[in-house]
């Protein structure tokens, strides 16, 4: 599955795709100073609460207009 993350100035939208269709999506306030661990915990909870296994995510796509958070999102996506 593909986890797509669109990080805007005020909101972050996360979408989970599989077999060329969107399976689920979530919206959250764009993190200001969170660490990659805190962001990973939020994404993990979104997935688990929607009954998806985080281990099934094989790819991550990131779109970001907030440079200060990009590095943490990249760290999180490498897990």
PDB file of N, CA and C in Angstrom:
ATOM      1  N   UNK A   1       0.836  -1.175   0.000  1.00  0.00           N
ATOM      2  CA  UNK A   1       0.000   0.000   0.000  1.00  0.00           C
ATOM      3  C   UNK A   1       0.885   1.244   0.000  1.00  0.00           C
ATOM      4  N   UNK A   2       0.316   2.312  -0.493  1.00  0.00           N
ATOM      5  CA  UNK A   2       1.007   3.599  -0.557  1.00  0.00           C
ATOM      6  C   UNK A   2       0.389   4.546   0.460  1.00  0.00           C
ATOM      7  N   UNK A   3       1.230   5.136   1.290  1.00  0.00           N
ATOM      8  CA  UNK A   3       0.800   6.157   2.235  1.00  0.00           C
ATOM      9  C   UNK A   3       1.208   7.503   1.648  1.00  0.00           C
ATOM     10  N   UNK A   4       0.230   8.345   1.314  1.00  0.00           N
ATOM     11  CA  UNK A   4       0.498   9.666   0.747  1.00  0.00           C
ATOM     12  C   UNK A   4       0.272  10.711   1.828  1.00  0.00           C
ATOM     13  N   UNK A   5       1.243  11.611   1.994  1.00  0.00           N
ATOM     14  CA  UNK A   5       1.179  12.629   3.036  1.00  0.00           C
ATOM     15  C   UNK A   5       1.316  13.999   2.380  1.00  0.00           C
ATOM     16  N   UNK A   6       0.305  14.840   2.552  1.00  0.00           N
ATOM     17  CA  UNK A   6       0.298  16.197   1.997  1.00  0.00           C
ATOM     18  C   UNK A   6       0.343  17.175   3.166  1.00  0.00           C
ATOM     19  N   UNK A   7       1.492  17.812   3.361  1.00  0.00           N
ATOM     20  CA  UNK A   7       1.703  18.691   4.508  1.00  0.00           C
ATOM     21  C   UNK A   7       1.543  20.137   4.068  1.00  0.00           C
ATOM     22  N   UNK A   8       0.473  20.764   4.543  1.00  0.00           N
ATOM     23  CA  UNK A   8       0.220  22.170   4.269  1.00  0.00           C
ATOM     24  C   UNK A   8       0.597  23.010   5.477  1.00  0.00           C
ATOM     25  N   UNK A   9       0.435  24.302   5.359  1.00  0.00           N
ATOM     26  CA  UNK A   9       0.800  25.193   6.462  1.00  0.00           C
ATOM     27  C   UNK A   9      -0.038  24.972   7.710  1.00  0.00           C
ATOM     28  N   UNK A  10      -1.305  24.638   7.547  1.00  0.00           N
ATOM     29  CA  UNK A  10      -2.180  24.473   8.718  1.00  0.00           C
ATOM     30  C   UNK A  10      -2.704  23.063   8.892  1.00  0.00           C
ATOM     31  N   UNK A  11      -2.852  22.315   7.802  1.00  0.00           N
ATOM     32  CA  UNK A  11      -3.377  20.958   7.900  1.00  0.00           C
ATOM     33  C   UNK A  11      -2.517  19.983   7.127  1.00  0.00           C
ATOM     34  N   UNK A  12      -2.497  18.758   7.629  1.00  0.00           N
ATOM     35  CA  UNK A  12      -1.836  17.654   6.949  1.00  0.00           C
ATOM     36  C   UNK A  12      -2.901  16.625   6.612  1.00  0.00           C
ATOM     37  N   UNK A  13      -2.896  16.175   5.364  1.00  0.00           N
ATOM     38  CA  UNK A  13      -3.847  15.160   4.925  1.00  0.00           C
ATOM     39  C   UNK A  13      -3.056  13.911   4.576  1.00  0.00           C
ATOM     40  N   UNK A  14      -3.522  12.782   5.085  1.00  0.00           N
ATOM     41  CA  UNK A  14      -2.859  11.505   4.872  1.00  0.00           C
ATOM     42  C   UNK A  14      -3.841  10.583   4.166  1.00  0.00           C
ATOM     43  N   UNK A  15      -3.392   9.949   3.097  1.00  0.00           N
ATOM     44  CA  UNK A  15      -4.239   9.019   2.360  1.00  0.00           C
ATOM     45  C   UNK A  15      -3.553   7.679   2.228  1.00  0.00           C
ATOM     46  N   UNK A  16      -4.325   6.624   2.312  1.00  0.00           N
ATOM     47  CA  UNK A  16      -3.806   5.272   2.135  1.00  0.00           C
ATOM     48  C   UNK A  16      -4.395   4.714   0.848  1.00  0.00           C
ATOM     49  N   UNK A  17      -3.518   4.297  -0.058  1.00  0.00           N
ATOM     50  CA  UNK A  17      -3.942   3.804  -1.362  1.00  0.00           C
ATOM     51  C   UNK A  17      -3.551   2.345  -1.533  1.00  0.00           C
ATOM     52  N   UNK A  18      -4.405   1.608  -2.200  1.00  0.00           N
ATOM     53  CA  UNK A  18      -4.125   0.221  -2.538  1.00  0.00           C
ATOM     54  C   UNK A  18      -4.896  -0.147  -3.787  1.00  0.00           C
ATOM     55  N   UNK A  19      -4.257  -0.880  -4.667  1.00  0.00           N
ATOM     56  CA  UNK A  19      -4.900  -1.314  -5.909  1.00  0.00           C
ATOM     57  C   UNK A  19      -5.537  -0.149  -6.667  1.00  0.00           C
ATOM     58  N   UNK A  20      -4.801   0.940  -6.799  1.00  0.00           N
ATOM     59  CA  UNK A  20      -5.219   2.113  -7.582  1.00  0.00           C
ATOM     60  C   UNK A  20      -6.469   2.810  -7.065  1.00  0.00           C
ATOM     61  N   UNK A  21      -6.758   2.671  -5.769  1.00  0.00           N
ATOM     62  CA  UNK A  21      -7.888   3.410  -5.194  1.00  0.00           C
ATOM     63  C   UNK A  21      -7.545   3.826  -3.772  1.00  0.00           C
ATOM     64  N   UNK A  22      -8.224   4.864  -3.319  1.00  0.00           N
ATOM     65  CA  UNK A  22      -7.990   5.322  -1.957  1.00  0.00           C
ATOM     66  C   UNK A  22      -8.770   4.423  -1.003  1.00  0.00           C
ATOM     67  N   UNK A  23      -8.078   3.942   0.018  1.00  0.00           N
ATOM     68  CA  UNK A  23      -8.696   3.063   1.004  1.00  0.00           C
ATOM     69  C   UNK A  23      -9.215   3.841   2.203  1.00  0.00           C
ATOM     70  N   UNK A  24      -8.488   4.888   2.566  1.00  0.00           N
ATOM     71  CA  UNK A  24      -8.893   5.713   3.704  1.00  0.00           C
ATOM     72  C   UNK A  24      -8.088   7.002   3.677  1.00  0.00           C
ATOM     73  N   UNK A  25      -8.596   8.012   4.390  1.00  0.00           N
ATOM     74  CA  UNK A  25      -7.847   9.260   4.513  1.00  0.00           C
ATOM     75  C   UNK A  25      -8.101   9.866   5.883  1.00  0.00           C
ATOM     76  N   UNK A  26      -7.149  10.674   6.324  1.00  0.00           N
ATOM     77  CA  UNK A  26      -7.207  11.312   7.633  1.00  0.00           C
ATOM     78  C   UNK A  26      -6.684  12.733   7.504  1.00  0.00           C
ATOM     79  N   UNK A  27      -7.129  13.580   8.397  1.00  0.00           N
ATOM     80  CA  UNK A  27      -6.704  14.978   8.402  1.00  0.00           C
ATOM     81  C   UNK A  27      -6.279  15.330   9.824  1.00  0.00           C
ATOM     82  N   UNK A  28      -5.196  16.080   9.941  1.00  0.00           N
ATOM     83  CA  UNK A  28      -4.727  16.513  11.255  1.00  0.00           C
ATOM     84  C   UNK A  28      -4.100  17.897  11.136  1.00  0.00           C
ATOM     85  N   UNK A  29      -3.964  18.567  12.251  1.00  0.00           N
ATOM     86  CA  UNK A  29      -3.257  19.846  12.281  1.00  0.00           C
ATOM     87  C   UNK A  29      -1.800  19.570  11.925  1.00  0.00           C
ATOM     88  N   UNK A  30      -1.221  20.408  11.087  1.00  0.00           N
ATOM     89  CA  UNK A  30       0.184  20.226  10.725  1.00  0.00           C
ATOM     90  C   UNK A  30       1.048  20.342  11.970  1.00  0.00           C
ATOM     91  N   UNK A  31       1.877  19.321  12.201  1.00  0.00           N
ATOM     92  CA  UNK A  31       2.749  19.356  13.380  1.00  0.00           C
ATOM     93  C   UNK A  31       3.689  20.553  13.322  1.00  0.00           C
ATOM     94  N   UNK A  32       3.900  21.177  14.452  1.00  0.00           N
ATOM     95  CA  UNK A  32       4.810  22.328  14.504  1.00  0.00           C
ATOM     96  C   UNK A  32       6.213  21.908  14.938  1.00  0.00           C
ATOM     97  N   UNK A  33       6.295  21.193  16.032  1.00  0.00           N
ATOM     98  CA  UNK A  33       7.612  20.856  16.573  1.00  0.00           C
ATOM     99  C   UNK A  33       7.728  19.390  16.971  1.00  0.00           C
ATOM    100  N   UNK A  34       6.812  18.543  16.539  1.00  0.00           N
ATOM    101  CA  UNK A  34       6.841  17.145  16.918  1.00  0.00           C
ATOM    102  C   UNK A  34       8.058  16.437  16.331  1.00  0.00           C
ATOM    103  N   UNK A  35       8.465  15.386  17.018  1.00  0.00           N
ATOM    104  CA  UNK A  35       9.564  14.557  16.534  1.00  0.00           C
ATOM    105  C   UNK A  35       9.013  13.500  15.583  1.00  0.00           C
ATOM    106  N   UNK A  36       9.909  12.814  14.891  1.00  0.00           N
ATOM    107  CA  UNK A  36       9.476  11.744  13.994  1.00  0.00           C
ATOM    108  C   UNK A  36       8.756  10.653  14.778  1.00  0.00           C
ATOM    109  N   UNK A  37       9.154  10.411  16.031  1.00  0.00           N
ATOM    110  CA  UNK A  37       8.473   9.410  16.865  1.00  0.00           C
ATOM    111  C   UNK A  37       7.025   9.802  17.132  1.00  0.00           C
ATOM    112  N   UNK A  38       6.791  11.070  17.444  1.00  0.00           N
ATOM    113  CA  UNK A  38       5.427  11.535  17.729  1.00  0.00           C
ATOM    114  C   UNK A  38       4.551  11.495  16.479  1.00  0.00           C
ATOM    115  N   UNK A  39       5.127  11.861  15.344  1.00  0.00           N
ATOM    116  CA  UNK A  39       4.376  11.819  14.092  1.00  0.00           C
ATOM    117  C   UNK A  39       4.069  10.371  13.727  1.00  0.00           C
ATOM    118  N   UNK A  40       5.048   9.489  13.882  1.00  0.00           N
ATOM    119  CA  UNK A  40       4.838   8.069  13.594  1.00  0.00           C
ATOM    120  C   UNK A  40       3.730   7.494  14.467  1.00  0.00           C
ATOM    121  N   UNK A  41       3.682   7.878  15.735  1.00  0.00           N
ATOM    122  CA  UNK A  41       2.639   7.386  16.638  1.00  0.00           C
ATOM    123  C   UNK A  41       1.256   7.825  16.153  1.00  0.00           C
ATOM    124  N   UNK A  42       1.134   9.060  15.692  1.00  0.00           N
ATOM    125  CA  UNK A  42      -0.156   9.550  15.190  1.00  0.00           C
ATOM    126  C   UNK A  42      -0.578   8.775  13.942  1.00  0.00           C
ATOM    127  N   UNK A  43       0.343   8.590  13.002  1.00  0.00           N
ATOM    128  CA  UNK A  43       0.030   7.861  11.771  1.00  0.00           C
ATOM    129  C   UNK A  43      -0.307   6.409  12.099  1.00  0.00           C
ATOM    130  N   UNK A  44       0.465   5.789  12.989  1.00  0.00           N
ATOM    131  CA  UNK A  44       0.216   4.411  13.412  1.00  0.00           C
ATOM    132  C   UNK A  44      -1.201   4.292  13.974  1.00  0.00           C
ATOM    133  N   UNK A  45      -1.597   5.244  14.814  1.00  0.00           N
ATOM    134  CA  UNK A  45      -2.939   5.211  15.404  1.00  0.00           C
ATOM    135  C   UNK A  45      -4.027   5.370  14.347  1.00  0.00           C
ATOM    136  N   UNK A  46      -3.818   6.258  13.369  1.00  0.00           N
ATOM    137  CA  UNK A  46      -4.793   6.391  12.282  1.00  0.00           C
ATOM    138  C   UNK A  46      -4.983   5.046  11.579  1.00  0.00           C
ATOM    139  N   UNK A  47      -3.866   4.403  11.249  1.00  0.00           N
ATOM    140  CA  UNK A  47      -3.931   3.128  10.536  1.00  0.00           C
ATOM    141  C   UNK A  47      -4.610   2.051  11.377  1.00  0.00           C
ATOM    142  N   UNK A  48      -4.159   1.880  12.609  1.00  0.00           N
ATOM    143  CA  UNK A  48      -4.706   0.828  13.479  1.00  0.00           C
ATOM    144  C   UNK A  48      -6.189   1.052  13.767  1.00  0.00           C
ATOM    145  N   UNK A  49      -6.585   2.301  14.020  1.00  0.00           N
ATOM    146  CA  UNK A  49      -7.994   2.587  14.314  1.00  0.00           C
ATOM    147  C   UNK A  49      -8.899   2.344  13.112  1.00  0.00           C
ATOM    148  N   UNK A  50      -8.318   2.334  11.920  1.00  0.00           N
ATOM    149  CA  UNK A  50      -9.080   2.043  10.705  1.00  0.00           C
ATOM    150  C   UNK A  50      -8.873   0.601  10.259  1.00  0.00           C
ATOM    151  N   UNK A  51      -8.272  -0.200  11.131  1.00  0.00           N
ATOM    152  CA  UNK A  51      -8.053  -1.632  10.913  1.00  0.00           C
ATOM    153  C   UNK A  51      -7.114  -1.943   9.748  1.00  0.00           C
ATOM    154  N   UNK A  52      -6.091  -1.101   9.572  1.00  0.00           N
ATOM    155  CA  UNK A  52      -5.028  -1.369   8.615  1.00  0.00           C
ATOM    156  C   UNK A  52      -3.771  -1.705   9.395  1.00  0.00           C
ATOM    157  N   UNK A  53      -2.950  -2.588   8.838  1.00  0.00           N
ATOM    158  CA  UNK A  53      -1.689  -2.955   9.475  1.00  0.00           C
ATOM    159  C   UNK A  53      -0.585  -2.052   8.924  1.00  0.00           C
ATOM    160  N   UNK A  54       0.065  -1.268   9.781  1.00  0.00           N
ATOM    161  CA  UNK A  54       1.148  -0.397   9.309  1.00  0.00           C
ATOM    162  C   UNK A  54       2.242  -1.152   8.553  1.00  0.00           C
ATOM    163  N   UNK A  55       2.415  -2.430   8.834  1.00  0.00           N
ATOM    164  CA  UNK A  55       3.433  -3.224   8.143  1.00  0.00           C
ATOM    165  C   UNK A  55       3.107  -3.427   6.667  1.00  0.00           C
ATOM    166  N   UNK A  56       1.851  -3.206   6.290  1.00  0.00           N
ATOM    167  CA  UNK A  56       1.448  -3.374   4.899  1.00  0.00           C
ATOM    168  C   UNK A  56       1.776  -2.161   4.032  1.00  0.00           C
ATOM    169  N   UNK A  57       2.215  -1.068   4.652  1.00  0.00           N
ATOM    170  CA  UNK A  57       2.600   0.125   3.895  1.00  0.00           C
ATOM    171  C   UNK A  57       3.989  -0.119   3.313  1.00  0.00           C
ATOM    172  N   UNK A  58       4.062  -0.127   1.989  1.00  0.00           N
ATOM    173  CA  UNK A  58       5.330  -0.391   1.327  1.00  0.00           C
ATOM    174  C   UNK A  58       5.984   0.836   0.729  1.00  0.00           C
ATOM    175  N   UNK A  59       5.180   1.873   0.507  1.00  0.00           N
ATOM    176  CA  UNK A  59       5.695   3.095  -0.108  1.00  0.00           C
ATOM    177  C   UNK A  59       5.093   4.312   0.581  1.00  0.00           C
ATOM    178  N   UNK A  60       5.855   5.415   0.556  1.00  0.00           N
ATOM    179  CA  UNK A  60       5.379   6.676   1.120  1.00  0.00           C
ATOM    180  C   UNK A  60       5.676   7.785   0.113  1.00  0.00           C
ATOM    181  N   UNK A  61       4.671   8.618  -0.154  1.00  0.00           N
ATOM    182  CA  UNK A  61       4.843   9.801  -1.004  1.00  0.00           C
ATOM    183  C   UNK A  61       4.576  11.025  -0.137  1.00  0.00           C
ATOM    184  N   UNK A  62       5.455  12.023  -0.243  1.00  0.00           N
ATOM    185  CA  UNK A  62       5.344  13.209   0.604  1.00  0.00           C
ATOM    186  C   UNK A  62       5.292  14.461  -0.262  1.00  0.00           C
ATOM    187  N   UNK A  63       4.326  15.319   0.030  1.00  0.00           N
ATOM    188  CA  UNK A  63       4.243  16.657  -0.546  1.00  0.00           C
ATOM    189  C   UNK A  63       4.270  17.612   0.636  1.00  0.00           C
ATOM    190  N   UNK A  64       5.190  18.589   0.621  1.00  0.00           N
ATOM    191  CA  UNK A  64       5.362  19.420   1.811  1.00  0.00           C
ATOM    192  C   UNK A  64       5.711  20.858   1.445  1.00  0.00           C
ATOM    193  N   UNK A  65       4.996  21.805   2.069  1.00  0.00           N
ATOM    194  CA  UNK A  65       5.320  23.222   1.915  1.00  0.00           C
ATOM    195  C   UNK A  65       5.851  23.802   3.225  1.00  0.00           C
ATOM    196  N   UNK A  66       6.161  22.921   4.182  1.00  0.00           N
ATOM    197  CA  UNK A  66       6.626  23.350   5.508  1.00  0.00           C
ATOM    198  C   UNK A  66       8.011  22.731   5.748  1.00  0.00           C
ATOM    199  N   UNK A  67       9.071  23.417   5.332  1.00  0.00           N
ATOM    200  CA  UNK A  67      10.417  22.846   5.418  1.00  0.00           C
ATOM    201  C   UNK A  67      10.818  22.375   6.817  1.00  0.00           C
ATOM    202  N   UNK A  68      10.382  23.062   7.860  1.00  0.00           N
ATOM    203  CA  UNK A  68      10.834  22.705   9.207  1.00  0.00           C
ATOM    204  C   UNK A  68      10.349  21.324   9.648  1.00  0.00           C
ATOM    205  N   UNK A  69       9.273  20.810   9.047  1.00  0.00           N
ATOM    206  CA  UNK A  69       8.746  19.510   9.461  1.00  0.00           C
ATOM    207  C   UNK A  69       9.127  18.397   8.478  1.00  0.00           C
ATOM    208  N   UNK A  70       9.598  18.767   7.295  1.00  0.00           N
ATOM    209  CA  UNK A  70       9.887  17.777   6.257  1.00  0.00           C
ATOM    210  C   UNK A  70      10.884  16.723   6.720  1.00  0.00           C
ATOM    211  N   UNK A  71      11.970  17.129   7.365  1.00  0.00           N
ATOM    212  CA  UNK A  71      12.984  16.163   7.799  1.00  0.00           C
ATOM    213  C   UNK A  71      12.402  15.125   8.756  1.00  0.00           C
ATOM    214  N   UNK A  72      11.535  15.556   9.667  1.00  0.00           N
ATOM    215  CA  UNK A  72      10.924  14.617  10.615  1.00  0.00           C
ATOM    216  C   UNK A  72       9.975  13.651   9.904  1.00  0.00           C
ATOM    217  N   UNK A  73       9.254  14.134   8.915  1.00  0.00           N
ATOM    218  CA  UNK A  73       8.351  13.267   8.146  1.00  0.00           C
ATOM    219  C   UNK A  73       9.164  12.241   7.355  1.00  0.00           C
ATOM    220  N   UNK A  74      10.279  12.660   6.787  1.00  0.00           N
ATOM    221  CA  UNK A  74      11.140  11.725   6.055  1.00  0.00           C
ATOM    222  C   UNK A  74      11.672  10.656   6.999  1.00  0.00           C
ATOM    223  N   UNK A  75      12.128  11.046   8.184  1.00  0.00           N
ATOM    224  CA  UNK A  75      12.596  10.063   9.174  1.00  0.00           C
ATOM    225  C   UNK A  75      11.491   9.073   9.509  1.00  0.00           C
ATOM    226  N   UNK A  76      10.286   9.590   9.738  1.00  0.00           N
ATOM    227  CA  UNK A  76       9.158   8.736  10.073  1.00  0.00           C
ATOM    228  C   UNK A  76       8.860   7.755   8.945  1.00  0.00           C
ATOM    229  N   UNK A  77       8.947   8.209   7.707  1.00  0.00           N
ATOM    230  CA  UNK A  77       8.588   7.359   6.572  1.00  0.00           C
ATOM    231  C   UNK A  77       9.596   6.243   6.318  1.00  0.00           C
ATOM    232  N   UNK A  78      10.771   6.350   6.865  1.00  0.00           N
ATOM    233  CA  UNK A  78      11.803   5.323   6.660  1.00  0.00           C
ATOM    234  C   UNK A  78      11.673   4.154   7.627  1.00  0.00           C
ATOM    235  N   UNK A  79      10.702   4.205   8.506  1.00  0.00           N
ATOM    236  CA  UNK A  79      10.524   3.129   9.494  1.00  0.00           C
ATOM    237  C   UNK A  79       9.789   1.957   8.913  1.00  0.00           C
TER     238      UNK A  79
END
